[in-house]
């Protein structure tokens, strides 16, 4: 028997997932970027499926591991007076997804997320919101790639 949630099917023998801390190797300057990514991943993989979070790889049926490799916040569109009216936050995360019963990961690849914001309104909040949106895109893409194999 297989269970289906939000259009996905999870094999019976996959009950738990381990999502270790994804270190931020991007020099983003945002001290909580790793926490925000892990929260997005846990929200997607645990709160929106029947999977339980395992506290170690030894206890898990699946492992999602990786690191934040790139972060940028650059002008995306320029007005006539050479002022940026839109900035784009772009984040790249290298990740792998492994069933612990297998030797080789199902996939091991980069995931990109990006979101634009208006830096003239509230640059700090705008960047934070854009980073959250980019991380959500990444978490969704990882989840979709993981469940496409189920």
C-alpha atoms as a PDB file:
ATOM      1  CA  UNK A   1       0.000   0.000   0.000  1.00  0.00           C
ATOM      2  CA  UNK A   2       1.178   3.508  -0.773  1.00  0.00           C
ATOM      3  CA  UNK A   3       0.028   6.762   0.787  1.00  0.00           C
ATOM      4  CA  UNK A   4      -0.652   9.841  -1.248  1.00  0.00           C
ATOM      5  CA  UNK A   5      -0.404  13.417   0.016  1.00  0.00           C
ATOM      6  CA  UNK A   6      -0.580  16.566  -2.075  1.00  0.00           C
ATOM      7  CA  UNK A   7      -0.293  14.499  -5.228  1.00  0.00           C
ATOM      8  CA  UNK A   8       2.725  12.501  -4.083  1.00  0.00           C
ATOM      9  CA  UNK A   9       3.117   8.823  -3.331  1.00  0.00           C
ATOM     10  CA  UNK A  10       5.515   7.652  -0.628  1.00  0.00           C
ATOM     11  CA  UNK A  11       6.554   3.978  -0.451  1.00  0.00           C
ATOM     12  CA  UNK A  12       5.518   2.116   2.719  1.00  0.00           C
ATOM     13  CA  UNK A  13       9.110   1.424   3.723  1.00  0.00           C
ATOM     14  CA  UNK A  14      10.011   5.141   3.764  1.00  0.00           C
ATOM     15  CA  UNK A  15       8.834   6.441   7.138  1.00  0.00           C
ATOM     16  CA  UNK A  16      11.568   8.838   8.277  1.00  0.00           C
ATOM     17  CA  UNK A  17      13.861  11.463   6.800  1.00  0.00           C
ATOM     18  CA  UNK A  18      17.022  13.016   8.197  1.00  0.00           C
ATOM     19  CA  UNK A  19      17.692  16.623   7.186  1.00  0.00           C
ATOM     20  CA  UNK A  20      21.011  17.715   8.675  1.00  0.00           C
ATOM     21  CA  UNK A  21      21.951  21.377   8.982  1.00  0.00           C
ATOM     22  CA  UNK A  22      22.809  22.820   5.555  1.00  0.00           C
ATOM     23  CA  UNK A  23      25.904  24.992   6.137  1.00  0.00           C
ATOM     24  CA  UNK A  24      26.025  28.396   4.447  1.00  0.00           C
ATOM     25  CA  UNK A  25      29.203  28.414   2.335  1.00  0.00           C
ATOM     26  CA  UNK A  26      28.008  31.358   0.244  1.00  0.00           C
ATOM     27  CA  UNK A  27      29.366  34.221   2.375  1.00  0.00           C
ATOM     28  CA  UNK A  28      25.848  35.650   2.206  1.00  0.00           C
ATOM     29  CA  UNK A  29      26.233  37.815   5.288  1.00  0.00           C
ATOM     30  CA  UNK A  30      22.806  36.599   6.439  1.00  0.00           C
ATOM     31  CA  UNK A  31      23.542  34.730   9.645  1.00  0.00           C
ATOM     32  CA  UNK A  32      20.291  32.780   9.681  1.00  0.00           C
ATOM     33  CA  UNK A  33      20.161  31.621   6.054  1.00  0.00           C
ATOM     34  CA  UNK A  34      20.923  27.988   6.998  1.00  0.00           C
ATOM     35  CA  UNK A  35      18.202  27.989   9.674  1.00  0.00           C
ATOM     36  CA  UNK A  36      15.695  29.439   7.245  1.00  0.00           C
ATOM     37  CA  UNK A  37      16.507  26.795   4.616  1.00  0.00           C
ATOM     38  CA  UNK A  38      16.260  23.950   7.131  1.00  0.00           C
ATOM     39  CA  UNK A  39      12.910  25.283   8.367  1.00  0.00           C
ATOM     40  CA  UNK A  40      11.607  25.434   4.770  1.00  0.00           C
ATOM     41  CA  UNK A  41      12.801  21.865   4.113  1.00  0.00           C
ATOM     42  CA  UNK A  42      11.274  20.488   7.316  1.00  0.00           C
ATOM     43  CA  UNK A  43       8.010  22.301   6.550  1.00  0.00           C
ATOM     44  CA  UNK A  44       7.881  20.734   3.105  1.00  0.00           C
ATOM     45  CA  UNK A  45       9.150  17.198   3.829  1.00  0.00           C
ATOM     46  CA  UNK A  46       7.701  16.607   7.304  1.00  0.00           C
ATOM     47  CA  UNK A  47       4.704  18.892   7.782  1.00  0.00           C
ATOM     48  CA  UNK A  48       3.316  18.297   4.285  1.00  0.00           C
ATOM     49  CA  UNK A  49       3.811  14.527   4.089  1.00  0.00           C
ATOM     50  CA  UNK A  50       3.544  11.613   6.509  1.00  0.00           C
ATOM     51  CA  UNK A  51       7.336  11.437   6.945  1.00  0.00           C
ATOM     52  CA  UNK A  52       8.743  11.829  10.432  1.00  0.00           C
ATOM     53  CA  UNK A  53      11.972  13.695  11.109  1.00  0.00           C
ATOM     54  CA  UNK A  54      14.778  11.367  12.199  1.00  0.00           C
ATOM     55  CA  UNK A  55      17.436  12.626  14.601  1.00  0.00           C
ATOM     56  CA  UNK A  56      20.303  10.848  12.825  1.00  0.00           C
ATOM     57  CA  UNK A  57      21.163   9.228   9.516  1.00  0.00           C
ATOM     58  CA  UNK A  58      21.235   5.816  11.250  1.00  0.00           C
ATOM     59  CA  UNK A  59      17.541   6.163  12.176  1.00  0.00           C
ATOM     60  CA  UNK A  60      16.399   7.458   8.762  1.00  0.00           C
ATOM     61  CA  UNK A  61      14.951   5.797   5.677  1.00  0.00           C
ATOM     62  CA  UNK A  62      15.955   8.814   3.560  1.00  0.00           C
ATOM     63  CA  UNK A  63      18.548  11.573   3.907  1.00  0.00           C
ATOM     64  CA  UNK A  64      18.468  15.044   2.386  1.00  0.00           C
ATOM     65  CA  UNK A  65      21.877  16.676   2.721  1.00  0.00           C
ATOM     66  CA  UNK A  66      23.709  19.626   1.231  1.00  0.00           C
ATOM     67  CA  UNK A  67      24.976  23.176   1.597  1.00  0.00           C
ATOM     68  CA  UNK A  68      24.212  26.701   0.467  1.00  0.00           C
ATOM     69  CA  UNK A  69      26.874  27.384  -2.143  1.00  0.00           C
ATOM     70  CA  UNK A  70      25.963  30.770  -3.604  1.00  0.00           C
ATOM     71  CA  UNK A  71      24.058  33.900  -2.624  1.00  0.00           C
ATOM     72  CA  UNK A  72      23.716  37.139  -4.541  1.00  0.00           C
ATOM     73  CA  UNK A  73      21.640  40.300  -4.249  1.00  0.00           C
ATOM     74  CA  UNK A  74      22.172  42.242  -7.463  1.00  0.00           C
ATOM     75  CA  UNK A  75      20.359  44.898  -9.497  1.00  0.00           C
ATOM     76  CA  UNK A  76      17.857  43.207 -11.779  1.00  0.00           C
ATOM     77  CA  UNK A  77      16.421  46.170 -13.654  1.00  0.00           C
ATOM     78  CA  UNK A  78      17.724  49.710 -13.912  1.00  0.00           C
ATOM     79  CA  UNK A  79      15.716  52.909 -14.363  1.00  0.00           C
ATOM     80  CA  UNK A  80      16.643  55.638 -16.824  1.00  0.00           C
ATOM     81  CA  UNK A  81      18.678  57.448 -14.156  1.00  0.00           C
ATOM     82  CA  UNK A  82      20.832  54.351 -13.535  1.00  0.00           C
ATOM     83  CA  UNK A  83      19.082  53.490 -10.244  1.00  0.00           C
ATOM     84  CA  UNK A  84      18.138  49.903  -9.502  1.00  0.00           C
ATOM     85  CA  UNK A  85      14.377  49.682  -9.206  1.00  0.00           C
ATOM     86  CA  UNK A  86      14.447  45.908  -8.780  1.00  0.00           C
ATOM     87  CA  UNK A  87      17.075  43.743  -7.118  1.00  0.00           C
ATOM     88  CA  UNK A  88      17.205  39.979  -7.443  1.00  0.00           C
ATOM     89  CA  UNK A  89      18.232  37.636  -4.668  1.00  0.00           C
ATOM     90  CA  UNK A  90      19.565  34.389  -6.113  1.00  0.00           C
ATOM     91  CA  UNK A  91      20.487  31.386  -3.975  1.00  0.00           C
ATOM     92  CA  UNK A  92      22.103  28.127  -5.063  1.00  0.00           C
ATOM     93  CA  UNK A  93      22.007  25.028  -2.863  1.00  0.00           C
ATOM     94  CA  UNK A  94      23.895  21.831  -3.688  1.00  0.00           C
ATOM     95  CA  UNK A  95      21.961  18.874  -2.318  1.00  0.00           C
ATOM     96  CA  UNK A  96      21.699  15.115  -2.457  1.00  0.00           C
ATOM     97  CA  UNK A  97      18.817  12.777  -1.692  1.00  0.00           C
ATOM     98  CA  UNK A  98      19.565   9.234  -0.598  1.00  0.00           C
ATOM     99  CA  UNK A  99      17.536   6.233   0.484  1.00  0.00           C
ATOM    100  CA  UNK A 100      19.625   4.775   3.283  1.00  0.00           C
ATOM    101  CA  UNK A 101      19.118   1.229   1.926  1.00  0.00           C
ATOM    102  CA  UNK A 102      20.930   2.288  -1.275  1.00  0.00           C
ATOM    103  CA  UNK A 103      24.594   3.094  -1.831  1.00  0.00           C
ATOM    104  CA  UNK A 104      24.080   5.800  -4.453  1.00  0.00           C
ATOM    105  CA  UNK A 105      21.970   8.933  -4.034  1.00  0.00           C
ATOM    106  CA  UNK A 106      18.806   9.305  -6.088  1.00  0.00           C
ATOM    107  CA  UNK A 107      20.192  12.682  -7.106  1.00  0.00           C
ATOM    108  CA  UNK A 108      23.060  15.008  -6.261  1.00  0.00           C
ATOM    109  CA  UNK A 109      22.757  18.401  -7.936  1.00  0.00           C
ATOM    110  CA  UNK A 110      22.356  22.159  -7.514  1.00  0.00           C
ATOM    111  CA  UNK A 111      19.001  23.862  -6.933  1.00  0.00           C
ATOM    112  CA  UNK A 112      18.408  27.543  -7.724  1.00  0.00           C
ATOM    113  CA  UNK A 113      15.901  29.952  -6.287  1.00  0.00           C
ATOM    114  CA  UNK A 114      15.480  33.642  -7.053  1.00  0.00           C
ATOM    115  CA  UNK A 115      13.112  36.452  -6.247  1.00  0.00           C
ATOM    116  CA  UNK A 116      13.079  40.164  -7.056  1.00  0.00           C
ATOM    117  CA  UNK A 117      12.267  43.062  -4.737  1.00  0.00           C
ATOM    118  CA  UNK A 118      12.214  46.849  -4.797  1.00  0.00           C
ATOM    119  CA  UNK A 119      15.315  48.077  -2.901  1.00  0.00           C
ATOM    120  CA  UNK A 120      13.993  51.647  -2.748  1.00  0.00           C
ATOM    121  CA  UNK A 121      11.050  50.696  -0.500  1.00  0.00           C
ATOM    122  CA  UNK A 122      12.577  48.732   2.383  1.00  0.00           C
ATOM    123  CA  UNK A 123      15.899  47.188   1.356  1.00  0.00           C
ATOM    124  CA  UNK A 124      16.442  45.101   4.514  1.00  0.00           C
ATOM    125  CA  UNK A 125      12.956  43.584   4.692  1.00  0.00           C
ATOM    126  CA  UNK A 126      12.856  43.303   0.908  1.00  0.00           C
ATOM    127  CA  UNK A 127      16.049  41.270   0.832  1.00  0.00           C
ATOM    128  CA  UNK A 128      14.892  39.060   3.716  1.00  0.00           C
ATOM    129  CA  UNK A 129      11.547  38.384   2.024  1.00  0.00           C
ATOM    130  CA  UNK A 130      13.235  37.713  -1.323  1.00  0.00           C
ATOM    131  CA  UNK A 131      15.645  35.270   0.361  1.00  0.00           C
ATOM    132  CA  UNK A 132      12.714  33.467   2.015  1.00  0.00           C
ATOM    133  CA  UNK A 133      10.902  33.193  -1.323  1.00  0.00           C
ATOM    134  CA  UNK A 134      14.040  31.860  -3.034  1.00  0.00           C
ATOM    135  CA  UNK A 135      14.518  29.285  -0.248  1.00  0.00           C
ATOM    136  CA  UNK A 136      10.867  28.209  -0.583  1.00  0.00           C
ATOM    137  CA  UNK A 137      11.411  27.643  -4.322  1.00  0.00           C
ATOM    138  CA  UNK A 138      14.465  25.521  -3.545  1.00  0.00           C
ATOM    139  CA  UNK A 139      12.650  23.486  -0.855  1.00  0.00           C
ATOM    140  CA  UNK A 140       9.701  22.874  -3.198  1.00  0.00           C
ATOM    141  CA  UNK A 141      11.971  21.809  -6.055  1.00  0.00           C
ATOM    142  CA  UNK A 142      13.897  19.422  -3.790  1.00  0.00           C
ATOM    143  CA  UNK A 143      10.651  17.918  -2.515  1.00  0.00           C
ATOM    144  CA  UNK A 144       9.243  17.555  -6.024  1.00  0.00           C
ATOM    145  CA  UNK A 145      12.452  15.891  -7.257  1.00  0.00           C
ATOM    146  CA  UNK A 146      12.484  13.539  -4.256  1.00  0.00           C
ATOM    147  CA  UNK A 147       8.867  12.467  -4.616  1.00  0.00           C
ATOM    148  CA  UNK A 148       9.066  12.110  -8.381  1.00  0.00           C
ATOM    149  CA  UNK A 149      11.139   8.994  -7.644  1.00  0.00           C
ATOM    150  CA  UNK A 150       8.449   7.543  -5.337  1.00  0.00           C
END
